[in-house]
Protein backbone atom coordinates (compact mmCIF):
# COMPACT_ATOMS: atom_id res chain seq x y z
CA MET A 1 -20.85 145.79 -32.02
CA SER A 2 -22.08 145.47 -35.39
CA PRO A 3 -24.76 142.19 -35.92
CA LEU A 4 -22.57 141.27 -38.47
CA ILE A 5 -19.26 141.02 -37.02
CA GLU A 6 -19.30 137.08 -36.83
CA PHE A 7 -19.64 137.43 -40.06
CA GLN A 8 -15.94 139.11 -40.79
CA PRO A 9 -13.52 136.78 -42.94
CA PRO A 10 -10.48 135.46 -41.09
CA HIS A 11 -7.48 137.57 -41.34
CA ASP A 12 -5.54 135.85 -43.87
CA VAL A 13 -8.21 135.32 -46.48
CA ARG A 14 -9.18 139.59 -45.88
CA ASP A 15 -5.24 140.18 -46.62
CA ALA A 16 -5.94 137.52 -49.83
CA LEU A 17 -8.88 139.75 -50.93
CA GLU A 18 -7.08 143.31 -50.34
CA LYS A 19 -4.12 141.36 -52.80
CA PHE A 20 -6.51 140.86 -55.87
CA GLY A 21 -8.11 144.93 -55.50
CA VAL A 22 -11.06 143.92 -53.29
CA ASN A 23 -11.82 147.29 -51.28
CA ASP A 24 -13.29 147.53 -48.20
CA LEU A 25 -16.95 148.33 -49.41
CA SER A 26 -16.72 145.38 -51.46
CA ILE A 27 -15.80 142.91 -48.32
CA GLU A 28 -18.79 144.47 -46.81
CA ARG A 29 -21.22 143.22 -49.84
CA LEU A 30 -19.10 139.84 -49.29
CA VAL A 31 -19.80 139.55 -45.50
CA ARG A 32 -23.59 140.69 -45.96
CA TYR A 33 -23.38 137.80 -48.50
CA VAL A 34 -22.36 135.11 -46.11
CA SER A 35 -24.20 136.26 -43.45
CA VAL A 36 -27.50 135.34 -45.60
CA LEU A 37 -25.82 132.17 -46.97
CA ASP A 38 -25.30 130.85 -43.34
CA ARG A 39 -28.63 130.95 -42.38
CA TRP A 40 -30.19 129.81 -45.98
CA ARG A 41 -28.07 127.07 -46.09
CA GLN A 42 -29.47 125.54 -43.22
CA ARG A 43 -33.08 125.02 -44.73
CA ILE A 44 -31.83 123.80 -48.38
CA ASN A 45 -28.89 122.18 -50.06
CA LEU A 46 -26.82 125.15 -50.92
CA ILE A 47 -23.53 123.62 -49.18
CA GLY A 48 -22.22 120.51 -47.74
CA PRO A 49 -21.02 121.18 -43.91
CA ALA A 50 -18.74 124.20 -43.18
CA ASN A 51 -17.84 126.22 -40.60
CA LEU A 52 -17.61 130.10 -41.45
CA ASN A 53 -13.96 129.67 -41.75
CA ASP A 54 -14.43 127.39 -44.20
CA ILE A 55 -16.79 129.20 -46.23
CA TRP A 56 -15.02 132.36 -46.81
CA THR A 57 -11.61 130.10 -47.63
CA ARG A 58 -13.42 126.92 -49.72
CA HIS A 59 -15.98 129.15 -51.27
CA VAL A 60 -15.28 132.80 -50.82
CA LEU A 61 -11.83 132.95 -51.65
CA ASP A 62 -11.94 130.24 -54.48
CA SER A 63 -14.06 132.39 -56.25
CA ALA A 64 -12.99 136.02 -56.04
CA GLN A 65 -9.65 134.24 -57.32
CA VAL A 66 -11.18 134.63 -61.01
CA PHE A 67 -11.65 138.58 -60.32
CA PRO A 68 -7.72 139.59 -60.91
CA LEU A 69 -7.97 137.14 -64.48
CA LEU A 70 -11.23 139.66 -65.82
CA GLY A 71 -8.48 141.74 -66.94
CA GLU A 72 -8.11 145.86 -66.66
CA SER A 73 -11.63 146.89 -68.38
CA PRO A 74 -14.75 144.17 -68.40
CA GLY A 75 -17.12 145.41 -71.34
CA SER A 76 -20.44 146.30 -70.78
CA SER A 77 -21.88 142.46 -71.80
CA ALA A 78 -19.88 141.45 -68.38
CA LEU A 79 -20.42 138.16 -67.12
CA VAL A 80 -22.37 134.94 -66.81
CA ASP A 81 -22.32 132.04 -64.40
CA PHE A 82 -23.65 129.15 -65.16
CA GLY A 83 -25.06 126.91 -62.33
CA SER A 84 -24.82 129.46 -59.67
CA GLY A 85 -26.22 127.35 -56.78
CA ALA A 86 -24.97 129.09 -53.81
CA GLY A 87 -23.41 132.15 -55.30
CA PHE A 88 -19.84 130.44 -56.08
CA PRO A 89 -18.50 132.45 -58.20
CA GLY A 90 -20.52 134.46 -59.64
CA LEU A 91 -22.55 136.43 -56.25
CA VAL A 92 -18.93 136.71 -55.44
CA LEU A 93 -17.97 138.48 -58.47
CA SER A 94 -20.83 140.30 -58.58
CA CYS A 95 -20.06 141.59 -54.94
CA ILE A 96 -16.27 142.58 -55.59
CA SER A 97 -16.44 144.08 -58.99
CA GLY A 98 -19.33 145.86 -60.00
CA LEU A 99 -19.51 144.17 -63.16
CA PRO A 100 -23.55 143.65 -64.64
CA ILE A 101 -23.51 139.55 -64.09
CA THR A 102 -26.44 137.15 -65.16
CA LEU A 103 -26.50 133.65 -62.80
CA VAL A 104 -28.29 130.50 -64.01
CA ASP A 105 -29.80 127.71 -62.06
CA SER A 106 -32.36 125.60 -62.68
CA ASP A 107 -33.30 125.12 -58.86
CA GLN A 108 -35.95 127.29 -58.18
CA ARG A 109 -34.99 127.61 -54.82
CA LYS A 110 -31.25 128.57 -55.39
CA ALA A 111 -32.96 130.82 -57.21
CA VAL A 112 -34.94 132.61 -54.78
CA PHE A 113 -31.77 132.64 -52.44
CA LEU A 114 -29.79 134.18 -54.87
CA ARG A 115 -32.55 136.90 -55.54
CA GLU A 116 -32.46 137.52 -51.44
CA ALA A 117 -28.69 137.01 -51.09
CA ALA A 118 -27.92 139.31 -53.83
CA ARG A 119 -30.63 142.32 -52.25
CA HIS A 120 -28.82 141.56 -48.58
CA ALA A 121 -25.73 142.80 -50.39
CA GLY A 122 -26.47 145.60 -52.10
CA VAL A 123 -25.66 143.87 -55.66
CA ASP A 124 -28.12 144.07 -59.19
CA VAL A 125 -28.23 140.82 -60.69
CA ARG A 126 -29.92 138.85 -63.02
CA VAL A 127 -31.23 135.42 -61.85
CA ILE A 128 -32.44 133.09 -65.04
CA PRO A 129 -34.53 130.02 -62.97
CA GLU A 130 -33.72 127.72 -65.95
CA ARG A 131 -31.75 125.25 -68.05
CA PHE A 132 -28.58 125.99 -69.55
CA ASP A 133 -30.07 125.25 -72.84
CA LYS A 134 -33.62 126.40 -72.39
CA ALA A 135 -31.98 130.11 -71.55
CA LEU A 136 -29.62 130.01 -74.26
CA GLN A 137 -32.81 129.78 -76.55
CA ASN A 138 -34.04 132.78 -75.15
CA VAL A 139 -33.12 135.63 -77.60
CA ALA A 140 -33.32 138.02 -74.42
CA PHE A 141 -30.24 135.83 -72.74
CA GLY A 142 -27.65 137.92 -74.90
CA LYS A 143 -23.88 137.13 -75.14
CA PHE A 144 -21.17 137.67 -72.67
CA GLN A 145 -17.64 138.70 -72.52
CA PHE A 146 -16.68 136.20 -69.83
CA VAL A 147 -18.37 132.78 -69.09
CA THR A 148 -17.89 131.56 -65.14
CA GLY A 149 -18.93 127.94 -63.55
CA ARG A 150 -17.58 126.12 -60.48
CA ALA A 151 -18.39 122.17 -59.89
CA VAL A 152 -20.66 122.52 -62.21
CA ALA A 153 -20.88 119.50 -65.02
CA PRO A 154 -17.73 118.13 -67.23
CA LEU A 155 -16.29 119.79 -69.97
CA VAL A 156 -17.51 118.60 -72.70
CA ARG A 157 -21.03 118.60 -71.33
CA LEU A 158 -20.51 122.47 -70.47
CA LEU A 159 -19.24 123.83 -73.85
CA PRO A 160 -22.15 123.61 -76.07
CA PHE A 161 -23.31 126.38 -73.21
CA ILE A 162 -20.56 128.10 -73.34
CA TYR A 163 -19.94 128.22 -76.99
CA GLY A 164 -23.77 129.29 -77.06
CA ALA A 165 -22.85 132.45 -74.48
CA LEU A 166 -19.45 133.76 -75.17
CA GLU A 167 -18.84 136.59 -77.81
CA PRO A 168 -15.77 135.35 -79.89
CA SER A 169 -13.79 137.57 -78.49
CA GLY A 170 -14.43 136.50 -74.69
CA PHE A 171 -13.46 133.66 -72.64
CA ALA A 172 -14.74 131.38 -70.22
CA LEU A 173 -13.01 131.16 -66.54
CA MET A 174 -14.04 127.24 -65.19
CA HIS A 175 -13.05 125.76 -61.71
CA LYS A 176 -11.67 122.52 -62.25
CA GLY A 177 -10.48 119.89 -60.41
CA ALA A 178 -7.42 116.52 -60.47
CA GLN A 179 -9.87 115.61 -63.39
CA VAL A 180 -9.41 118.44 -65.83
CA GLU A 181 -6.33 116.63 -68.38
CA LYS A 182 -9.17 113.75 -69.01
CA GLU A 183 -11.78 116.68 -69.49
CA LEU A 184 -9.64 118.48 -71.80
CA THR A 185 -8.38 115.05 -74.31
CA GLU A 186 -12.59 113.80 -74.00
CA ALA A 187 -13.32 117.36 -74.39
CA MET A 188 -11.16 117.64 -77.61
CA LYS A 189 -12.33 114.84 -79.65
CA SER A 190 -14.63 117.14 -80.86
CA TRP A 191 -13.65 120.61 -79.62
CA THR A 192 -10.98 123.23 -80.79
CA MET A 193 -9.93 125.77 -78.85
CA LYS A 194 -7.06 127.71 -76.77
CA TYR A 195 -6.40 126.58 -72.84
CA GLU A 196 -4.90 127.98 -69.89
CA MET A 197 -4.50 125.82 -66.45
CA ILE A 198 -4.00 128.37 -63.72
CA PRO A 199 -3.21 126.65 -60.33
CA SER A 200 -5.91 126.96 -57.88
CA ILE A 201 -4.68 129.10 -54.91
CA THR A 202 -7.46 127.13 -52.44
CA SER A 203 -6.87 123.68 -53.44
CA ASP A 204 -3.66 121.65 -54.36
CA GLU A 205 -5.67 120.11 -57.10
CA GLY A 206 -8.03 122.90 -58.05
CA ILE A 207 -7.08 124.81 -61.79
CA ILE A 208 -9.18 127.40 -62.74
CA LEU A 209 -9.18 126.15 -66.77
CA LYS A 210 -8.96 129.37 -69.08
CA ILE A 211 -10.98 128.93 -72.22
CA TRP A 212 -10.65 131.16 -75.14
CA CYS A 213 -11.07 130.62 -79.49
CA LEU A 214 -13.87 127.99 -78.87
CA ARG A 215 -15.26 126.49 -81.61
CA PRO A 216 -16.80 123.14 -82.63
CA ASP A 217 -15.34 120.75 -85.20
CA ASP A 218 -18.27 119.79 -86.23
CA ALA A 219 -20.49 122.76 -86.23
CA ASN A 220 -24.04 121.08 -87.39
CA LYS A 221 -24.02 119.16 -84.40
CA LEU A 222 -25.26 122.07 -82.29
């Protein structure tokens, strides 16, 4: 019996992942990642109390639903995930997409976890243990086709970082909750953007907020 058998996804989660186009190898990477997460969450504050089914549904599947939204032919500049924390959604997307992905989180312990989890999962990610603003100031940081973030901060606080990281033709996919319309109303007082609200498959109140054509109304404020 495989030592990782206990970390296999529930059947309904596996079925959903397969419908997204996630293959067996990618699911095996996720299993290895979840096994490390289960061990580390007992040491540092990665996620709240949860059983393995909760982890797979509330966290892994919730993150994986972004995958089909990336499109058919992502470019080589790939994706940056702000506030990666326990790896949602960035490390999950790395496990299932094979894209070059950058994970940003200022918590040094979480950065160590992300590197360890990526090593066990067999994926190559770039982990930047810095605040978003400091990361963006580094000329080596680059621009990205996609920006993601899950339960990071209100939209009005995130938009300067999204704007600073996105290629002109790129877009952001942000996990948001019941306050998304309020956040949008506030953000659009100082930003112009196109957006789409995509209902989450894991939460009645959850939304994947797609943002593109983003620009500040006052370019001098950045």
